Each structure stands twice: as C-alpha cells, then as structure tokens.
PDB file of N, CA and C in Angstrom:
ATOM      1  N   MET A   1      70.371   9.813  51.703  1.00  0.00           N
ATOM      2  CA  MET A   1      69.628  11.241  52.434  1.00  0.00           C
ATOM      3  C   MET A   1      69.515  12.157  51.216  1.00  0.00           C
ATOM      4  N   ASN A   2      70.442  12.017  49.574  1.00  0.00           N
ATOM      5  CA  ASN A   2      70.482  13.225  48.790  1.00  0.00           C
ATOM      6  C   ASN A   2      68.969  12.587  47.591  1.00  0.00           C
ATOM      7  N   ASP A   3      68.767  10.650  47.518  1.00  0.00           N
ATOM      8  CA  ASP A   3      68.469  10.451  46.957  1.00  0.00           C
ATOM      9  C   ASP A   3      66.649  10.403  47.143  1.00  0.00           C
ATOM     10  N   ILE A   4      66.517  10.658  48.720  1.00  0.00           N
ATOM     11  CA  ILE A   4      65.177  11.167  48.901  1.00  0.00           C
ATOM     12  C   ILE A   4      64.795  13.005  48.396  1.00  0.00           C
ATOM     13  N   ILE A   5      65.569  13.490  49.056  1.00  0.00           N
ATOM     14  CA  ILE A   5      64.879  15.056  48.073  1.00  0.00           C
ATOM     15  C   ILE A   5      65.417  14.668  46.947  1.00  0.00           C
ATOM     16  N   LEU A   6      66.490  14.109  46.230  1.00  0.00           N
ATOM     17  CA  LEU A   6      66.610  14.519  44.670  1.00  0.00           C
ATOM     18  C   LEU A   6      65.008  13.691  43.860  1.00  0.00           C
ATOM     19  N   GLN A   7      64.516  12.897  44.449  1.00  0.00           N
ATOM     20  CA  GLN A   7      63.666  11.742  44.247  1.00  0.00           C
ATOM     21  C   GLN A   7      61.689  12.597  44.087  1.00  0.00           C
ATOM     22  N   THR A   8      62.028  13.403  45.635  1.00  0.00           N
ATOM     23  CA  THR A   8      61.571  14.525  45.713  1.00  0.00           C
ATOM     24  C   THR A   8      60.854  15.676  44.819  1.00  0.00           C
ATOM     25  N   TYR A   9      62.393  15.951  44.582  1.00  0.00           N
ATOM     26  CA  TYR A   9      62.140  17.594  43.981  1.00  0.00           C
ATOM     27  C   TYR A   9      61.964  16.397  42.396  1.00  0.00           C
ATOM     28  N   ILE A  10      61.737  15.508  42.088  1.00  0.00           N
ATOM     29  CA  ILE A  10      61.529  15.005  40.074  1.00  0.00           C
ATOM     30  C   ILE A  10      60.694  14.903  40.268  1.00  0.00           C
ATOM     31  N   ASN A  11      59.537  14.153  41.746  1.00  0.00           N
ATOM     32  CA  ASN A  11      58.800  14.331  41.258  1.00  0.00           C
ATOM     33  C   ASN A  11      57.339  14.719  41.193  1.00  0.00           C
ATOM     34  N   LYS A  12      58.260  16.406  41.741  1.00  0.00           N
ATOM     35  CA  LYS A  12      57.462  17.258  41.261  1.00  0.00           C
ATOM     36  C   LYS A  12      57.195  18.364  40.223  1.00  0.00           C
ATOM     37  N   ILE A  13      58.800  17.908  39.372  1.00  0.00           N
ATOM     38  CA  ILE A  13      58.439  18.554  37.344  1.00  0.00           C
ATOM     39  C   ILE A  13      57.866  18.362  37.385  1.00  0.00           C
ATOM     40  N   ASN A  14      57.172  19.485  37.025  1.00  0.00           N
ATOM     41  CA  ASN A  14      56.323  19.029  35.430  1.00  0.00           C
ATOM     42  C   ASN A  14      56.567  19.509  34.227  1.00  0.00           C
ATOM     43  N   LYS A  15      55.872  19.383  33.085  1.00  0.00           N
ATOM     44  CA  LYS A  15      56.840  19.735  31.777  1.00  0.00           C
ATOM     45  C   LYS A  15      56.784  21.512  31.456  1.00  0.00           C
ATOM     46  N   GLY A  16      55.677  22.233  32.436  1.00  0.00           N
ATOM     47  CA  GLY A  16      56.152  23.840  33.072  1.00  0.00           C
ATOM     48  C   GLY A  16      57.089  24.414  32.885  1.00  0.00           C
ATOM     49  N   HIS A  17      57.819  23.145  33.664  1.00  0.00           N
ATOM     50  CA  HIS A  17      59.030  23.315  34.767  1.00  0.00           C
ATOM     51  C   HIS A  17      60.003  23.101  33.806  1.00  0.00           C
ATOM     52  N   ILE A  18      59.966  22.566  32.500  1.00  0.00           N
ATOM     53  CA  ILE A  18      61.535  22.192  31.667  1.00  0.00           C
ATOM     54  C   ILE A  18      61.248  23.126  30.520  1.00  0.00           C
ATOM     55  N   ILE A  19      59.552  23.233  30.143  1.00  0.00           N
ATOM     56  CA  ILE A  19      59.238  24.538  29.785  1.00  0.00           C
ATOM     57  C   ILE A  19      60.136  26.295  29.389  1.00  0.00           C
ATOM     58  N   GLU A  20      59.609  26.245  31.180  1.00  0.00           N
ATOM     59  CA  GLU A  20      60.524  27.401  31.224  1.00  0.00           C
ATOM     60  C   GLU A  20      62.056  27.821  31.764  1.00  0.00           C
ATOM     61  N   TYR A  21      62.863  25.944  32.784  1.00  0.00           N
ATOM     62  CA  TYR A  21      63.643  26.360  32.684  1.00  0.00           C
ATOM     63  C   TYR A  21      64.787  26.247  31.332  1.00  0.00           C
ATOM     64  N   ALA A  22      64.313  25.806  30.260  1.00  0.00           N
ATOM     65  CA  ALA A  22      64.698  26.103  28.875  1.00  0.00           C
ATOM     66  C   ALA A  22      65.112  27.433  28.354  1.00  0.00           C
ATOM     67  N   LYS A  23      63.228  27.810  28.571  1.00  0.00           N
ATOM     68  CA  LYS A  23      63.516  29.304  27.856  1.00  0.00           C
ATOM     69  C   LYS A  23      64.540  30.088  28.659  1.00  0.00           C
ATOM     70  N   LYS A  24      64.258  29.608  29.471  1.00  0.00           N
ATOM     71  CA  LYS A  24      65.805  30.989  31.015  1.00  0.00           C
ATOM     72  C   LYS A  24      67.392  30.737  30.209  1.00  0.00           C
ATOM     73  N   GLU A  25      67.454  29.659  29.602  1.00  0.00           N
ATOM     74  CA  GLU A  25      68.940  28.941  29.375  1.00  0.00           C
ATOM     75  C   GLU A  25      68.759  29.082  27.454  1.00  0.00           C
ATOM     76  N   GLY A  26      67.748  29.769  27.528  1.00  0.00           N
ATOM     77  CA  GLY A  26      67.449  30.309  26.051  1.00  0.00           C
ATOM     78  C   GLY A  26      67.651  29.249  24.272  1.00  0.00           C
ATOM     79  N   ILE A  27      66.629  28.629  25.131  1.00  0.00           N
ATOM     80  CA  ILE A  27      66.025  27.472  24.412  1.00  0.00           C
ATOM     81  C   ILE A  27      65.108  26.647  24.310  1.00  0.00           C
ATOM     82  N   ILE A  28      64.454  26.734  23.047  1.00  0.00           N
ATOM     83  CA  ILE A  28      62.832  26.845  23.015  1.00  0.00           C
ATOM     84  C   ILE A  28      62.226  25.550  22.519  1.00  0.00           C
ATOM     85  N   LEU A  29      62.016  25.013  23.557  1.00  0.00           N
ATOM     86  CA  LEU A  29      61.381  23.073  22.878  1.00  0.00           C
ATOM     87  C   LEU A  29      60.129  23.489  22.256  1.00  0.00           C
ATOM     88  N   THR A  30      60.443  22.954  21.331  1.00  0.00           N
ATOM     89  CA  THR A  30      59.109  22.038  20.465  1.00  0.00           C
ATOM     90  C   THR A  30      58.456  21.521  21.202  1.00  0.00           C
ATOM     91  N   ASN A  31      56.644  21.207  21.277  1.00  0.00           N
ATOM     92  CA  ASN A  31      55.665  20.178  22.300  1.00  0.00           C
ATOM     93  C   ASN A  31      56.999  18.873  21.720  1.00  0.00           C
ATOM     94  N   ASN A  32      56.822  18.254  21.085  1.00  0.00           N
ATOM     95  CA  ASN A  32      57.652  16.802  20.913  1.00  0.00           C
ATOM     96  C   ASN A  32      59.460  16.952  22.287  1.00  0.00           C
ATOM     97  N   GLU A  33      59.872  17.886  22.059  1.00  0.00           N
ATOM     98  CA  GLU A  33      60.980  17.733  22.577  1.00  0.00           C
ATOM     99  C   GLU A  33      60.739  17.983  24.085  1.00  0.00           C
ATOM    100  N   THR A  34      59.477  18.694  24.175  1.00  0.00           N
ATOM    101  CA  THR A  34      59.284  19.239  25.665  1.00  0.00           C
ATOM    102  C   THR A  34      58.927  17.664  26.322  1.00  0.00           C
ATOM    103  N   GLU A  35      57.964  16.875  25.575  1.00  0.00           N
ATOM    104  CA  GLU A  35      57.696  15.337  26.149  1.00  0.00           C
ATOM    105  C   GLU A  35      59.244  14.617  26.231  1.00  0.00           C
ATOM    106  N   ILE A  36      59.880  14.577  25.444  1.00  0.00           N
ATOM    107  CA  ILE A  36      60.980  13.775  25.576  1.00  0.00           C
ATOM    108  C   ILE A  36      62.359  14.129  26.379  1.00  0.00           C
ATOM    109  N   ILE A  37      62.508  15.370  27.172  1.00  0.00           N
ATOM    110  CA  ILE A  37      63.312  15.533  28.071  1.00  0.00           C
ATOM    111  C   ILE A  37      62.380  15.325  29.050  1.00  0.00           C
ATOM    112  N   TYR A  38      61.317  15.553  29.354  1.00  0.00           N
ATOM    113  CA  TYR A  38      60.632  14.960  31.019  1.00  0.00           C
ATOM    114  C   TYR A  38      60.221  13.340  31.220  1.00  0.00           C
ATOM    115  N   GLU A  39      60.444  12.828  30.150  1.00  0.00           N
ATOM    116  CA  GLU A  39      60.389  11.895  30.148  1.00  0.00           C
ATOM    117  C   GLU A  39      61.470  10.762  30.076  1.00  0.00           C
ATOM    118  N   TYR A  40      62.739  11.409  29.554  1.00  0.00           N
ATOM    119  CA  TYR A  40      63.761  11.102  30.273  1.00  0.00           C
ATOM    120  C   TYR A  40      64.420  11.040  32.258  1.00  0.00           C
ATOM    121  N   ILE A  41      63.535  12.074  31.878  1.00  0.00           N
ATOM    122  CA  ILE A  41      64.030  13.117  33.294  1.00  0.00           C
ATOM    123  C   ILE A  41      63.268  12.376  34.580  1.00  0.00           C
ATOM    124  N   LYS A  42      61.750  11.176  33.748  1.00  0.00           N
ATOM    125  CA  LYS A  42      61.491  10.815  34.750  1.00  0.00           C
ATOM    126  C   LYS A  42      61.840   9.553  35.048  1.00  0.00           C
ATOM    127  N   LYS A  43      62.260   8.591  34.145  1.00  0.00           N
ATOM    128  CA  LYS A  43      62.791   7.322  33.913  1.00  0.00           C
ATOM    129  C   LYS A  43      63.869   7.400  34.620  1.00  0.00           C
ATOM    130  N   TYR A  44      64.957   8.373  34.043  1.00  0.00           N
ATOM    131  CA  TYR A  44      66.046   8.040  33.574  1.00  0.00           C
ATOM    132  C   TYR A  44      67.182   8.972  34.972  1.00  0.00           C
ATOM    133  N   TRP A  45      66.273   9.780  36.079  1.00  0.00           N
ATOM    134  CA  TRP A  45      67.713  10.371  36.260  1.00  0.00           C
ATOM    135  C   TRP A  45      68.614   9.890  37.272  1.00  0.00           C
ATOM    136  N   LYS A  46      68.165   8.267  38.240  1.00  0.00           N
ATOM    137  CA  LYS A  46      69.621   8.664  38.377  1.00  0.00           C
ATOM    138  C   LYS A  46      71.080   8.392  37.466  1.00  0.00           C
ATOM    139  N   ARG A  47      70.509   7.569  36.450  1.00  0.00           N
ATOM    140  CA  ARG A  47      71.719   7.628  35.285  1.00  0.00           C
ATOM    141  C   ARG A  47      72.308   8.859  34.935  1.00  0.00           C
ATOM    142  N   PHE A  48      71.443   9.939  35.089  1.00  0.00           N
ATOM    143  CA  PHE A  48      72.122  11.085  34.588  1.00  0.00           C
ATOM    144  C   PHE A  48      72.939  11.440  35.903  1.00  0.00           C
ATOM    145  N   TYR A  49      72.713  11.390  37.228  1.00  0.00           N
ATOM    146  CA  TYR A  49      72.811  12.221  38.146  1.00  0.00           C
ATOM    147  C   TYR A  49      74.360  10.953  38.574  1.00  0.00           C
ATOM    148  N   TYR A  50      74.035   9.784  38.659  1.00  0.00           N
ATOM    149  CA  TYR A  50      75.193   8.681  39.063  1.00  0.00           C
ATOM    150  C   TYR A  50      75.889   7.955  37.801  1.00  0.00           C
ATOM    151  N   GLU A  51      75.584   8.186  36.946  1.00  0.00           N
ATOM    152  CA  GLU A  51      76.229   7.095  36.074  1.00  0.00           C
ATOM    153  C   GLU A  51      76.706   7.950  34.807  1.00  0.00           C
ATOM    154  N   ASN A  52      77.222   6.753  34.253  1.00  0.00           N
ATOM    155  CA  ASN A  52      77.472   7.441  32.934  1.00  0.00           C
ATOM    156  C   ASN A  52      76.343   7.640  32.329  1.00  0.00           C
ATOM    157  N   PRO A  53      75.691   8.250  31.543  1.00  0.00           N
ATOM    158  CA  PRO A  53      74.546   8.284  30.151  1.00  0.00           C
ATOM    159  C   PRO A  53      74.736   8.414  29.307  1.00  0.00           C
ATOM    160  N   THR A  54      75.854   8.017  29.141  1.00  0.00           N
ATOM    161  CA  THR A  54      76.835   8.166  27.192  1.00  0.00           C
ATOM    162  C   THR A  54      75.427   7.427  26.235  1.00  0.00           C
ATOM    163  N   ASP A  55      74.865   6.381  26.954  1.00  0.00           N
ATOM    164  CA  ASP A  55      74.120   5.839  25.969  1.00  0.00           C
ATOM    165  C   ASP A  55      72.715   6.371  25.688  1.00  0.00           C
ATOM    166  N   LEU A  56      71.825   6.995  26.776  1.00  0.00           N
ATOM    167  CA  LEU A  56      70.557   8.271  26.710  1.00  0.00           C
ATOM    168  C   LEU A  56      71.215   9.372  25.840  1.00  0.00           C
ATOM    169  N   LEU A  57      72.415   9.879  26.061  1.00  0.00           N
ATOM    170  CA  LEU A  57      72.205  11.038  25.877  1.00  0.00           C
ATOM    171  C   LEU A  57      72.658  10.606  23.769  1.00  0.00           C
ATOM    172  N   SER A  58      73.034   9.420  23.374  1.00  0.00           N
ATOM    173  CA  SER A  58      72.906   9.080  22.645  1.00  0.00           C
ATOM    174  C   SER A  58      71.229   8.874  21.570  1.00  0.00           C
ATOM    175  N   GLU A  59      71.012   8.421  22.263  1.00  0.00           N
ATOM    176  CA  GLU A  59      69.405   8.476  21.686  1.00  0.00           C
ATOM    177  C   GLU A  59      69.171   9.823  21.635  1.00  0.00           C
ATOM    178  N   LEU A  60      69.390  10.288  22.642  1.00  0.00           N
ATOM    179  CA  LEU A  60      68.548  11.935  23.554  1.00  0.00           C
ATOM    180  C   LEU A  60      69.075  12.344  21.630  1.00  0.00           C
ATOM    181  N   LYS A  61      70.223  12.316  21.305  1.00  0.00           N
ATOM    182  CA  LYS A  61      70.929  13.144  20.460  1.00  0.00           C
ATOM    183  C   LYS A  61      70.129  12.834  19.062  1.00  0.00           C
ATOM    184  N   GLU A  62      69.227  11.638  18.701  1.00  0.00           N
ATOM    185  CA  GLU A  62      68.603  11.585  17.932  1.00  0.00           C
ATOM    186  C   GLU A  62      67.770  11.634  17.478  1.00  0.00           C
ATOM    187  N   LYS A  63      66.815  11.972  18.680  1.00  0.00           N
ATOM    188  CA  LYS A  63      65.134  12.741  19.042  1.00  0.00           C
ATOM    189  C   LYS A  63      65.040  13.820  19.090  1.00  0.00           C
ATOM    190  N   LEU A  64      66.460  14.562  18.972  1.00  0.00           N
ATOM    191  CA  LEU A  64      65.937  16.342  19.492  1.00  0.00           C
ATOM    192  C   LEU A  64      66.434  17.403  18.539  1.00  0.00           C
ATOM    193  N   SER A  65      66.161  17.777  18.072  1.00  0.00           N
ATOM    194  CA  SER A  65      67.006  18.966  17.613  1.00  0.00           C
ATOM    195  C   SER A  65      68.549  19.189  17.699  1.00  0.00           C
ATOM    196  N   ASN A  66      68.924  19.863  17.316  1.00  0.00           N
ATOM    197  CA  ASN A  66      70.726  19.451  17.145  1.00  0.00           C
ATOM    198  C   ASN A  66      70.800  20.666  18.049  1.00  0.00           C
ATOM    199  N   THR A  67      70.224  22.382  17.392  1.00  0.00           N
ATOM    200  CA  THR A  67      70.202  22.796  18.213  1.00  0.00           C
ATOM    201  C   THR A  67      69.826  22.736  20.168  1.00  0.00           C
ATOM    202  N   THR A  68      68.489  21.803  20.271  1.00  0.00           N
ATOM    203  CA  THR A  68      68.391  21.845  21.399  1.00  0.00           C
ATOM    204  C   THR A  68      68.839  20.265  22.222  1.00  0.00           C
ATOM    205  N   TYR A  69      70.070  19.593  21.690  1.00  0.00           N
ATOM    206  CA  TYR A  69      70.468  18.906  22.139  1.00  0.00           C
ATOM    207  C   TYR A  69      72.148  18.925  22.482  1.00  0.00           C
ATOM    208  N   ASN A  70      72.762  20.190  21.568  1.00  0.00           N
ATOM    209  CA  ASN A  70      73.772  21.088  22.024  1.00  0.00           C
ATOM    210  C   ASN A  70      73.807  21.663  22.889  1.00  0.00           C
ATOM    211  N   LYS A  71      72.958  22.390  23.196  1.00  0.00           N
ATOM    212  CA  LYS A  71      72.933  23.253  24.437  1.00  0.00           C
ATOM    213  C   LYS A  71      72.186  22.262  25.980  1.00  0.00           C
ATOM    214  N   LEU A  72      71.484  20.945  25.234  1.00  0.00           N
ATOM    215  CA  LEU A  72      71.115  20.636  26.938  1.00  0.00           C
ATOM    216  C   LEU A  72      72.459  19.483  27.362  1.00  0.00           C
ATOM    217  N   GLU A  73      73.294  19.487  26.541  1.00  0.00           N
ATOM    218  CA  GLU A  73      75.326  18.389  26.463  1.00  0.00           C
ATOM    219  C   GLU A  73      75.307  19.376  27.276  1.00  0.00           C
ATOM    220  N   ASN A  74      75.316  20.268  27.066  1.00  0.00           N
ATOM    221  CA  ASN A  74      76.103  21.587  27.538  1.00  0.00           C
ATOM    222  C   ASN A  74      76.364  22.175  28.383  1.00  0.00           C
ATOM    223  N   LEU A  75      74.941  21.834  28.841  1.00  0.00           N
ATOM    224  CA  LEU A  75      74.138  22.108  30.249  1.00  0.00           C
ATOM    225  C   LEU A  75      74.525  20.996  31.113  1.00  0.00           C
ATOM    226  N   TYR A  76      74.421  19.434  30.669  1.00  0.00           N
ATOM    227  CA  TYR A  76      74.404  18.732  31.359  1.00  0.00           C
ATOM    228  C   TYR A  76      76.324  18.194  31.717  1.00  0.00           C
ATOM    229  N   TYR A  77      76.613  18.805  31.227  1.00  0.00           N
ATOM    230  CA  TYR A  77      78.354  18.107  31.642  1.00  0.00           C
ATOM    231  C   TYR A  77      79.101  19.920  32.074  1.00  0.00           C
ATOM    232  N   GLU A  78      77.784  21.026  32.181  1.00  0.00           N
ATOM    233  CA  GLU A  78      78.571  21.945  32.918  1.00  0.00           C
ATOM    234  C   GLU A  78      78.428  21.496  34.043  1.00  0.00           C
ATOM    235  N   TYR A  79      76.699  21.829  34.444  1.00  0.00           N
ATOM    236  CA  TYR A  79      76.416  20.787  35.549  1.00  0.00           C
ATOM    237  C   TYR A  79      76.913  19.891  36.506  1.00  0.00           C
ATOM    238  N   LYS A  80      76.757  19.166  35.794  1.00  0.00           N
ATOM    239  CA  LYS A  80      77.897  17.743  36.297  1.00  0.00           C
ATOM    240  C   LYS A  80      79.731  18.232  37.145  1.00  0.00           C
ATOM    241  N   LYS A  81      80.060  19.141  36.186  1.00  0.00           N
ATOM    242  CA  LYS A  81      81.427  19.682  36.750  1.00  0.00           C
ATOM    243  C   LYS A  81      81.833  20.203  38.061  1.00  0.00           C
ATOM    244  N   ILE A  82      80.122  21.258  38.528  1.00  0.00           N
ATOM    245  CA  ILE A  82      79.956  22.169  39.580  1.00  0.00           C
ATOM    246  C   ILE A  82      79.150  20.765  40.456  1.00  0.00           C
ATOM    247  N   GLN A  83      79.013  19.536  39.715  1.00  0.00           N
ATOM    248  CA  GLN A  83      78.252  19.236  41.081  1.00  0.00           C
ATOM    249  C   GLN A  83      79.915  18.468  42.089  1.00  0.00           C
ATOM    250  N   LYS A  84      80.621  18.047  41.573  1.00  0.00           N
ATOM    251  CA  LYS A  84      81.855  17.699  41.889  1.00  0.00           C
ATOM    252  C   LYS A  84      82.162  17.972  42.778  1.00  0.00           C
TER     253      LYS A  84
END
C-alpha cells in the first residue's frame, strides 16, 4: 500500500515543488541542481526509501555544490531516522 501512495506522490512532484521545498529548508538551488535532484527523485525514489543509497549519494556529491549536497544529505538522514 505504501508503494502505491508513494508512487502517486512521486508522479505528481514537479521541479517547482523541489525548488519551494529547498527554499523552505534554506537551500537555494541552481537550475542544474534542480534538474539533477528531480531526475534522482523520479528514477531512484525506491532506492532512497527502501535501500542503502550510498552510491547514489556519492554521485550526487559530485554533481551538486558542497553546500547543497551537505544540506540535502543532512535532511535525508534526518528523515530516514524519523521514518524508522
């Protein structure tokens, strides 16, 4: 059941949602960073939610600015902790 709800939510996410959420969290994204994050959310949400995405995080670290990556990584682990 969670998969259906999550997939529906992910399908509705657009780049504007990503930009607004990032702003709310004090992160200012470049257009390129928005594109990258959008792509990773759409393609890999199941890996981020259910698995250990260390390899994906390493890829993102190379593609995003240090500030953006560090803030996103902190948010990811914070929310993963809450999820358990």
